[in-house]
Amino acid sequence: MLEGPSAVLRRPLAENLLFRLPADVLINLSETYGTPYFLIDEATLRRNARDLRAAYSDYSGKVSVAYSVKANFLPRILRTFWGEGLLFDVATLEELYFLERSIGSVERSIYTSTTQTYREFSRAIDMGVRRFVVGSSNGLRNLARAAEDRGVKVEFLLRINPELVPPTDERFYKMGKFGVPIVDEDGEDAVALIEAASELEWPRLTGFHFHVGTQVTSPSKFVRALDRLEELITIARAEGRDLEVEVLDIGGGMPVIYTQGDPGLEDIAPRIIERLNSLADRLGSPPDLVVESGRFLVAEAGVLTSRIVNIKRYAGLKYAFLDTGYHNLLDAAFVRQVYPIRVVPEDGHAEERVVLAGMLCDSDDVFPIGNGVLRGASLGKLVVFGNAGAYSTVFNMPFHAQPKPPVLFRDLNGNVSVARPRESLKELYEEEGGLN
């Protein structure tokens, strides 16, 4: 069994699940289930959930951790986090369906839709959701109508756009897509929505939500967002609004260690807590704090194991071709994510410059290597990618008619079972309409 919950928030890359898994376990699983395969580790899931909660233990109020289901909606993961007492950040009705089928309840969900339609709000209320996030005036009207039509009392958090300049990362942060600004000349702003909410009996405004991005390496982004939130509260109260902040959801963004030297959770949380506590003092009482996370909770808990099936040399480089591609690890191509990599079995071969080429007929299907150097990459060996638990299985694509690989689950006792079976080619064919 791997190590249990840890009070250590900063773990060197050498302690990543990828390097703690015994080589014989990885090899035996490849012989039993074939390659490629994903493996999810329960102990790491639970440790990360407890570490994230512990990181905010110095906050003066109540702290809850919410799992962003979009990162990985595997039912075994949802059930594990339910057992840890987590909330669930749900963005679509389909994710809500997975939560309901996996757990039998959606009572701990926060429905954070981007589209915010009357239809989805109505369906979510029917399924039992009572807390929502709203980030547009039309969304507020839709939620109010859905709640009124069903005679149900619901609450909502107003999602603000803190308009960070520069944004945390241009690759994923779009300044205007999420939430509303504090003040905007067109009136689609937080001040106007607070006024509109004050005229409604239900839904009731209970707090605020923001999200500054993912892999945020500087706490200043969170601090600035909290500064902007305090500006909004000051404006609203100056206009005579009796604004009580019961809940504050600061989104996710806690960094995962992908390479040596990446900042860890303990580098980020203390300054955020300091600013949160000062805001709580000004508010008069600390709101319940919700810390969302997807990547931090599940990334390290997953590995993708592949096999080197061909070798060639060209222009002084060694090309190692794998039996997987970016269809199983899309961020390698999408954002050129550098994943920690391990060659199994390890041996004493010298390091050499290697190009890890995927199996797809696409020039982007090359996995980035930090320094371009690997040790012992030879025909038939396994190449294992760490931090593959987030945004991997959810992005699986059948490019080149490739079925989904299996997802294995390693429980607290070290026993491995199949959480999602390998899709057969026949099943994929039928899924694509072959029977028609």
Protein backbone atom coordinates (compact mmCIF):
# COMPACT_ATOMS: atom_id res chain seq x y z
CA MET A 1 0.00 0.00 0.00
CA LEU A 2 1.24 3.49 -0.81
CA GLU A 3 1.60 6.12 1.85
CA GLY A 4 -1.58 7.43 3.40
CA PRO A 5 -2.67 11.01 4.10
CA SER A 6 0.27 13.32 4.43
CA ALA A 7 0.73 16.56 6.27
CA VAL A 8 3.51 17.43 3.85
CA LEU A 9 2.15 19.84 1.28
CA ARG A 10 5.34 20.18 -0.72
CA ARG A 11 6.44 16.86 -2.17
CA PRO A 12 9.44 16.59 -4.47
CA LEU A 13 8.84 15.11 -7.89
CA ALA A 14 10.68 11.95 -6.81
CA GLU A 15 7.76 11.23 -4.43
CA ASN A 16 5.19 11.41 -7.21
CA LEU A 17 2.99 8.33 -7.59
CA LEU A 18 4.75 7.63 -10.90
CA PHE A 19 8.02 6.90 -9.12
CA ARG A 20 6.52 5.26 -6.02
CA LEU A 21 4.71 2.55 -7.95
CA PRO A 22 6.84 -0.62 -7.98
CA ALA A 23 8.14 -1.51 -11.44
CA ASP A 24 6.85 -5.07 -11.13
CA VAL A 25 3.32 -3.77 -10.57
CA LEU A 26 3.44 -1.74 -13.78
CA ILE A 27 4.93 -4.65 -15.71
CA ASN A 28 2.47 -7.23 -14.37
CA LEU A 29 -0.49 -4.99 -15.20
CA SER A 30 0.79 -4.51 -18.74
CA GLU A 31 1.01 -8.29 -19.16
CA THR A 32 -2.49 -8.79 -17.74
CA TYR A 33 -4.36 -5.94 -19.39
CA GLY A 34 -2.12 -4.95 -22.30
CA THR A 35 -1.03 -1.43 -23.16
CA PRO A 36 -1.90 1.35 -23.13
CA TYR A 37 -3.75 1.48 -19.82
CA PHE A 38 -4.57 4.10 -17.20
CA LEU A 39 -4.15 3.38 -13.50
CA ILE A 40 -5.83 5.44 -10.76
CA ASP A 41 -4.57 5.17 -7.17
CA GLU A 42 -7.10 5.57 -4.35
CA ALA A 43 -4.53 6.39 -1.67
CA THR A 44 -3.28 9.37 -3.67
CA LEU A 45 -6.82 10.63 -4.30
CA ARG A 46 -7.59 10.59 -0.59
CA ARG A 47 -4.24 12.11 0.39
CA ASN A 48 -4.67 15.00 -2.02
CA ALA A 49 -8.18 15.73 -0.76
CA ARG A 50 -6.96 15.83 2.84
CA ASP A 51 -3.89 17.88 1.97
CA LEU A 52 -5.96 20.52 0.19
CA ARG A 53 -8.32 20.82 3.13
CA ALA A 54 -5.38 20.99 5.56
CA ALA A 55 -3.69 23.71 3.51
CA TYR A 56 -6.54 26.10 4.40
CA SER A 57 -6.87 25.06 8.05
CA ASP A 58 -5.66 28.49 9.23
CA TYR A 59 -8.67 30.20 7.68
CA SER A 60 -10.87 31.70 10.39
CA GLY A 61 -14.08 30.11 9.10
CA LYS A 62 -15.41 26.80 7.83
CA VAL A 63 -13.54 25.23 4.91
CA SER A 64 -14.95 22.85 2.30
CA VAL A 65 -13.20 21.26 -0.66
CA ALA A 66 -15.14 20.82 -3.90
CA TYR A 67 -14.08 18.46 -6.66
CA SER A 68 -14.43 19.77 -10.23
CA VAL A 69 -16.04 16.79 -11.91
CA LYS A 70 -14.88 17.91 -15.37
CA ALA A 71 -11.30 16.80 -14.55
CA ASN A 72 -12.26 13.12 -14.40
CA PHE A 73 -15.80 11.78 -13.99
CA LEU A 74 -14.84 8.14 -13.43
CA PRO A 75 -17.50 6.77 -11.02
CA ARG A 76 -14.85 5.19 -8.75
CA ILE A 77 -13.26 8.63 -8.31
CA LEU A 78 -16.61 10.27 -7.54
CA ARG A 79 -17.40 7.63 -4.92
CA THR A 80 -13.95 8.02 -3.36
CA PHE A 81 -14.35 11.78 -2.97
CA TRP A 82 -17.88 11.37 -1.67
CA GLY A 83 -16.40 9.21 1.06
CA GLU A 84 -13.96 12.03 1.84
CA GLY A 85 -16.86 14.43 2.38
CA LEU A 86 -16.13 16.63 -0.63
CA LEU A 87 -18.55 18.90 -2.44
CA PHE A 88 -18.85 18.57 -6.22
CA ASP A 89 -18.50 21.35 -8.76
CA VAL A 90 -20.74 20.27 -11.65
CA ALA A 91 -20.86 22.14 -14.96
CA THR A 92 -23.32 20.13 -17.08
CA LEU A 93 -26.41 17.99 -16.72
CA GLU A 94 -24.38 15.06 -18.01
CA GLU A 95 -21.86 15.43 -15.17
CA LEU A 96 -24.79 15.68 -12.77
CA TYR A 97 -26.13 12.40 -14.18
CA PHE A 98 -22.77 10.71 -13.48
CA LEU A 99 -22.81 12.03 -9.92
CA GLU A 100 -26.37 10.89 -9.28
CA ARG A 101 -25.78 7.43 -10.76
CA SER A 102 -22.47 6.99 -8.89
CA ILE A 103 -23.57 8.29 -5.50
CA GLY A 104 -27.35 8.24 -5.50
CA SER A 105 -27.44 11.87 -4.42
CA VAL A 106 -26.58 15.33 -5.76
CA GLU A 107 -27.10 17.17 -2.47
CA ARG A 108 -23.44 18.22 -2.23
CA SER A 109 -23.28 19.63 -5.74
CA ILE A 110 -22.70 23.22 -6.82
CA TYR A 111 -24.10 23.66 -10.31
CA THR A 112 -21.73 25.97 -12.18
CA SER A 113 -22.99 26.12 -15.74
CA THR A 114 -21.52 28.33 -18.44
CA THR A 115 -24.68 28.47 -20.56
CA GLN A 116 -27.16 28.89 -17.65
CA THR A 117 -30.30 27.99 -19.58
CA TYR A 118 -33.81 27.64 -18.16
CA ARG A 119 -33.90 24.00 -19.30
CA GLU A 120 -30.76 22.94 -17.46
CA PHE A 121 -31.62 24.89 -14.31
CA SER A 122 -35.06 23.27 -14.31
CA ARG A 123 -33.63 19.80 -14.76
CA ALA A 124 -30.95 20.36 -12.09
CA ILE A 125 -33.60 21.52 -9.60
CA ASP A 126 -35.71 18.46 -10.39
CA MET A 127 -32.67 16.27 -9.69
CA GLY A 128 -32.17 17.90 -6.28
CA VAL A 129 -29.60 20.67 -6.77
CA ARG A 130 -30.15 23.62 -4.45
CA ARG A 131 -26.96 25.66 -4.89
CA PHE A 132 -26.08 27.31 -8.19
CA VAL A 133 -23.50 29.70 -9.60
CA VAL A 134 -24.77 32.50 -11.85
CA GLY A 135 -22.61 34.67 -14.07
CA SER A 136 -25.03 36.63 -16.27
CA SER A 137 -28.26 38.60 -15.97
CA ASN A 138 -30.03 36.19 -18.32
CA GLY A 139 -28.81 33.30 -16.19
CA LEU A 140 -30.29 34.91 -13.08
CA ARG A 141 -33.64 35.36 -14.80
CA ASN A 142 -33.60 31.74 -15.95
CA LEU A 143 -32.79 30.43 -12.49
CA ALA A 144 -35.47 32.60 -10.90
CA ARG A 145 -38.09 31.38 -13.37
CA ALA A 146 -37.06 27.73 -12.97
CA ALA A 147 -37.24 27.98 -9.16
CA GLU A 148 -40.60 29.78 -9.25
CA ASP A 149 -42.13 27.29 -11.69
CA ARG A 150 -41.15 24.45 -9.37
CA GLY A 151 -41.92 26.18 -6.10
CA VAL A 152 -38.44 25.38 -4.81
CA LYS A 153 -36.18 27.59 -2.70
CA VAL A 154 -32.66 27.71 -4.11
CA GLU A 155 -29.58 29.82 -3.48
CA PHE A 156 -26.86 31.09 -5.76
CA LEU A 157 -23.35 32.45 -5.77
CA LEU A 158 -22.63 35.34 -8.10
CA ARG A 159 -19.64 34.59 -10.30
CA ILE A 160 -17.48 37.66 -10.74
CA ASN A 161 -14.83 38.22 -13.34
CA PRO A 162 -11.95 39.86 -11.45
CA GLU A 163 -10.50 41.04 -14.80
CA LEU A 164 -6.93 40.17 -13.94
CA VAL A 165 -4.42 41.95 -16.15
CA PRO A 166 -2.49 40.14 -17.38
CA PRO A 167 -4.61 36.99 -17.16
CA THR A 168 -3.06 33.92 -15.55
CA ASP A 169 -2.54 32.18 -18.89
CA GLU A 170 -3.73 33.20 -22.34
CA ARG A 171 -4.16 29.56 -23.36
CA PHE A 172 -7.23 28.98 -21.22
CA TYR A 173 -8.31 32.23 -19.59
CA LYS A 174 -10.73 34.28 -21.69
CA MET A 175 -11.35 37.63 -20.10
CA GLY A 176 -15.07 37.83 -20.89
CA LYS A 177 -16.34 34.25 -21.01
CA PHE A 178 -16.78 33.57 -17.31
CA GLY A 179 -18.67 35.69 -14.81
CA VAL A 180 -19.42 39.40 -14.79
CA PRO A 181 -17.10 42.33 -14.07
CA ILE A 182 -17.50 44.45 -10.97
CA VAL A 183 -18.70 47.47 -12.95
CA ASP A 184 -19.36 47.70 -16.68
CA GLU A 185 -20.79 50.57 -18.72
CA ASP A 186 -23.21 48.21 -20.48
CA GLY A 187 -24.79 47.23 -17.16
CA GLU A 188 -23.98 43.51 -17.38
CA ASP A 189 -22.04 43.71 -14.15
CA ALA A 190 -22.00 42.45 -10.59
CA VAL A 191 -23.44 45.64 -9.11
CA ALA A 192 -26.50 45.39 -11.38
CA LEU A 193 -26.98 41.69 -10.64
CA ILE A 194 -26.83 42.29 -6.88
CA GLU A 195 -29.56 44.89 -7.32
CA ALA A 196 -31.64 42.50 -9.43
CA ALA A 197 -31.21 39.72 -6.85
CA SER A 198 -32.38 42.01 -4.05
CA GLU A 199 -35.77 42.22 -5.74
CA LEU A 200 -36.18 38.43 -5.77
CA GLU A 201 -37.40 36.26 -2.92
CA TRP A 202 -35.78 33.26 -4.57
CA PRO A 203 -33.15 32.45 -5.65
CA ARG A 204 -31.34 33.97 -2.70
CA LEU A 205 -27.87 35.46 -3.16
CA THR A 206 -25.64 33.89 -0.50
CA GLY A 207 -22.15 34.72 -1.72
CA PHE A 208 -19.63 34.94 -4.52
CA HIS A 209 -17.53 32.79 -6.79
CA PHE A 210 -14.48 33.41 -8.94
CA HIS A 211 -11.89 31.34 -10.74
CA VAL A 212 -8.52 32.76 -11.77
CA GLY A 213 -7.23 29.82 -13.83
CA THR A 214 -5.35 26.56 -13.51
CA GLN A 215 -1.76 25.87 -12.44
CA VAL A 216 -1.65 29.32 -10.86
CA THR A 217 1.90 29.72 -9.58
CA SER A 218 1.49 33.13 -7.93
CA PRO A 219 -0.81 33.80 -4.96
CA SER A 220 -1.00 37.42 -6.11
CA LYS A 221 -3.68 36.39 -8.62
CA PHE A 222 -5.95 35.20 -5.80
CA VAL A 223 -5.09 38.22 -3.66
CA ARG A 224 -5.99 40.59 -6.49
CA ALA A 225 -9.26 38.76 -7.11
CA LEU A 226 -10.12 39.12 -3.41
CA ASP A 227 -9.23 42.82 -3.61
CA ARG A 228 -11.69 43.20 -6.47
CA LEU A 229 -14.36 41.31 -4.53
CA GLU A 230 -13.93 43.63 -1.57
CA GLU A 231 -14.32 46.60 -3.92
CA LEU A 232 -17.64 45.14 -5.07
CA ILE A 233 -18.89 44.60 -1.53
CA THR A 234 -17.91 48.15 -0.60
CA ILE A 235 -19.81 49.56 -3.60
CA ALA A 236 -22.91 47.48 -2.86
CA ARG A 237 -23.01 48.45 0.80
CA ALA A 238 -22.43 52.12 -0.04
CA GLU A 239 -25.57 51.91 -2.20
CA GLY A 240 -27.52 50.65 0.78
CA ARG A 241 -27.55 46.94 -0.06
CA ASP A 242 -27.86 44.73 3.00
CA LEU A 243 -25.29 42.31 1.62
CA GLU A 244 -24.43 39.31 3.74
CA VAL A 245 -21.64 37.09 2.39
CA GLU A 246 -22.33 33.60 3.71
CA VAL A 247 -20.28 31.62 1.18
CA LEU A 248 -17.12 32.45 -0.74
CA ASP A 249 -15.97 30.06 -3.48
CA ILE A 250 -12.45 30.93 -4.68
CA GLY A 251 -12.39 28.33 -7.46
CA GLY A 252 -9.40 26.14 -8.18
CA GLY A 253 -5.98 26.63 -9.68
CA MET A 254 -3.73 25.03 -7.06
CA PRO A 255 -0.58 23.92 -8.89
CA VAL A 256 0.47 20.34 -9.53
CA ILE A 257 4.19 19.54 -9.61
CA TYR A 258 4.99 18.39 -13.16
CA THR A 259 8.71 19.20 -13.21
CA GLN A 260 11.41 19.76 -10.63
CA GLY A 261 11.13 23.28 -9.25
CA ASP A 262 7.39 23.78 -9.80
CA PRO A 263 5.76 25.62 -6.88
CA GLY A 264 3.77 23.50 -4.45
CA LEU A 265 0.58 24.09 -2.52
CA GLU A 266 2.35 25.44 0.56
CA ASP A 267 3.93 28.14 -1.63
CA ILE A 268 0.48 29.42 -2.58
CA ALA A 269 -2.02 28.90 0.25
CA PRO A 270 -0.58 31.01 3.13
CA ARG A 271 -0.82 34.37 1.33
CA ILE A 272 -4.33 33.55 0.14
CA ILE A 273 -5.37 32.67 3.70
CA GLU A 274 -3.90 35.91 5.02
CA ARG A 275 -6.00 37.92 2.56
CA LEU A 276 -9.10 35.80 3.22
CA ASN A 277 -8.84 36.39 6.95
CA SER A 278 -8.45 40.13 6.49
CA LEU A 279 -11.55 40.15 4.27
CA ALA A 280 -13.46 38.11 6.85
CA ASP A 281 -12.54 40.66 9.53
CA ARG A 282 -13.94 43.48 7.42
CA LEU A 283 -17.11 41.54 6.70
CA GLY A 284 -17.69 41.03 10.42
CA SER A 285 -17.82 37.25 10.25
CA PRO A 286 -15.99 34.71 8.10
CA PRO A 287 -17.98 33.29 5.19
CA ASP A 288 -17.89 29.55 4.58
CA LEU A 289 -14.94 29.00 2.26
CA VAL A 290 -15.14 26.64 -0.72
CA VAL A 291 -11.90 25.66 -2.44
CA GLU A 292 -12.50 23.95 -5.77
CA SER A 293 -10.03 21.71 -7.48
CA GLY A 294 -9.90 19.25 -10.31
CA ARG A 295 -6.31 18.94 -11.46
CA PHE A 296 -4.74 19.08 -7.98
CA LEU A 297 -6.99 16.34 -6.64
CA VAL A 298 -6.70 13.79 -9.45
CA ALA A 299 -3.68 14.53 -11.66
CA GLU A 300 -0.99 12.79 -9.61
CA ALA A 301 -3.36 9.91 -8.80
CA GLY A 302 -3.23 8.66 -12.39
CA VAL A 303 -0.58 7.20 -14.69
CA LEU A 304 -0.73 6.22 -18.35
CA THR A 305 1.38 3.19 -19.26
CA SER A 306 2.42 2.62 -22.88
CA ARG A 307 4.97 0.47 -24.69
CA ILE A 308 7.80 1.28 -27.10
CA VAL A 309 6.86 -0.62 -30.28
CA ASN A 310 9.39 0.79 -32.75
CA ILE A 311 12.77 2.55 -32.79
CA LYS A 312 14.51 4.52 -35.53
CA ARG A 313 17.33 7.04 -35.72
CA TYR A 314 17.23 10.24 -37.73
CA ALA A 315 19.38 13.40 -37.74
CA GLY A 316 21.26 12.36 -34.63
CA LEU A 317 18.09 11.63 -32.65
CA LYS A 318 16.54 8.41 -31.43
CA TYR A 319 12.83 8.12 -32.17
CA ALA A 320 10.89 5.85 -29.82
CA PHE A 321 7.40 5.10 -31.13
CA LEU A 322 4.70 4.32 -28.56
CA ASP A 323 1.46 2.39 -28.81
CA THR A 324 -0.41 5.48 -27.58
CA GLY A 325 -0.75 9.07 -28.75
CA TYR A 326 -2.19 12.43 -27.81
CA HIS A 327 -5.71 10.99 -28.18
CA ASN A 328 -5.05 9.54 -24.70
CA LEU A 329 -3.12 12.51 -23.30
CA LEU A 330 -4.43 15.50 -25.19
CA ASP A 331 -2.72 18.20 -23.13
CA ALA A 332 0.62 16.97 -24.53
CA ALA A 333 -0.46 18.44 -27.87
CA PHE A 334 -3.05 20.97 -26.71
CA VAL A 335 -0.85 22.98 -24.31
CA ARG A 336 2.47 21.12 -24.80
CA GLN A 337 2.27 19.85 -21.24
CA VAL A 338 5.50 18.24 -20.05
CA TYR A 339 4.52 15.15 -18.05
CA PRO A 340 6.90 13.36 -15.70
CA ILE A 341 8.09 10.22 -17.51
CA ARG A 342 9.53 6.91 -16.35
CA VAL A 343 10.98 4.09 -18.44
CA VAL A 344 10.30 0.58 -17.05
CA PRO A 345 12.19 -1.60 -16.36
CA GLU A 346 14.96 0.75 -15.29
CA ASP A 347 18.51 -0.21 -16.18
CA GLY A 348 21.99 1.26 -16.29
CA HIS A 349 21.91 2.53 -19.86
CA ALA A 350 23.27 6.04 -20.38
CA GLU A 351 20.93 8.98 -20.98
CA GLU A 352 20.41 9.92 -24.61
CA ARG A 353 18.36 12.37 -26.59
CA VAL A 354 15.05 10.77 -27.45
CA VAL A 355 11.92 11.84 -29.32
CA LEU A 356 8.83 10.13 -27.89
CA ALA A 357 6.61 9.75 -30.93
CA GLY A 358 2.97 8.76 -30.66
CA MET A 359 1.20 6.33 -32.96
CA LEU A 360 -0.98 8.93 -34.70
CA CYS A 361 -0.45 10.18 -38.24
CA ASP A 362 -0.15 13.75 -37.03
CA SER A 363 3.01 15.81 -36.65
CA ASP A 364 1.74 17.18 -33.32
CA ASP A 365 1.72 13.68 -31.86
CA VAL A 366 5.08 13.97 -30.08
CA PHE A 367 5.27 13.96 -26.29
CA PRO A 368 7.36 16.81 -24.83
CA ILE A 369 10.31 15.74 -22.65
CA GLY A 370 11.65 18.30 -20.20
CA ASN A 371 15.29 18.25 -21.29
CA GLY A 372 14.85 15.95 -24.27
CA VAL A 373 16.83 13.20 -22.53
CA LEU A 374 15.72 9.75 -21.35
CA ARG A 375 17.55 6.75 -19.92
CA GLY A 376 17.09 3.24 -21.28
CA ALA A 377 14.37 3.86 -23.89
CA SER A 378 14.56 0.67 -25.95
CA LEU A 379 12.24 -1.58 -27.90
CA GLY A 380 9.64 -3.39 -25.81
CA LYS A 381 10.06 -1.30 -22.65
CA LEU A 382 7.25 0.57 -20.94
CA VAL A 383 7.02 4.35 -20.96
CA VAL A 384 4.86 5.57 -18.09
CA PHE A 385 3.47 9.11 -17.88
CA GLY A 386 2.75 10.56 -14.45
CA ASN A 387 0.10 13.15 -13.48
CA ALA A 388 -2.25 11.57 -16.04
CA GLY A 389 -5.31 11.48 -13.80
CA ALA A 390 -6.70 14.87 -14.88
CA TYR A 391 -8.02 15.85 -18.30
CA SER A 392 -6.89 12.61 -19.93
CA THR A 393 -9.60 9.96 -19.94
CA VAL A 394 -12.22 12.69 -20.38
CA PHE A 395 -10.51 13.82 -23.59
CA ASN A 396 -10.17 10.34 -25.12
CA MET A 397 -10.76 10.53 -28.88
CA PRO A 398 -11.27 7.66 -31.34
CA PHE A 399 -8.75 9.18 -33.78
CA HIS A 400 -7.55 6.48 -36.22
CA ALA A 401 -10.44 4.33 -34.94
CA GLN A 402 -8.69 3.79 -31.60
CA PRO A 403 -10.90 2.31 -28.84
CA LYS A 404 -10.67 3.67 -25.30
CA PRO A 405 -7.97 2.03 -23.17
CA PRO A 406 -8.95 0.47 -19.84
CA VAL A 407 -8.85 2.40 -16.59
CA LEU A 408 -7.62 0.36 -13.64
CA PHE A 409 -8.20 1.29 -10.00
CA ARG A 410 -5.73 0.51 -7.21
CA ASP A 411 -7.45 0.46 -3.82
CA LEU A 412 -6.02 1.19 -0.38
CA ASN A 413 -4.90 -2.41 -0.01
CA GLY A 414 -3.00 -2.38 -3.30
CA ASN A 415 -5.58 -4.54 -5.08
CA VAL A 416 -6.20 -3.60 -8.72
CA SER A 417 -9.55 -3.93 -10.45
CA VAL A 418 -11.02 -2.70 -13.72
CA ALA A 419 -12.87 0.59 -13.28
CA ARG A 420 -13.52 1.02 -16.99
CA PRO A 421 -12.95 -1.92 -19.35
CA ARG A 422 -11.00 -1.60 -22.55
CA GLU A 423 -13.38 -0.71 -25.37
CA SER A 424 -13.42 -3.28 -28.14
CA LEU A 425 -13.11 -2.37 -31.79
CA LYS A 426 -16.54 -3.92 -32.34
CA GLU A 427 -18.04 -1.64 -29.68
CA LEU A 428 -16.45 1.41 -31.27
CA TYR A 429 -17.71 0.35 -34.70
CA GLU A 430 -21.24 -0.01 -33.38
CA GLU A 431 -20.97 3.29 -31.51
CA GLU A 432 -20.06 5.00 -34.78
CA GLY A 433 -23.17 3.62 -36.46
CA GLY A 434 -21.70 0.51 -38.03
CA LEU A 435 -24.84 -1.53 -37.47
CA ASN A 436 -26.77 0.92 -39.65
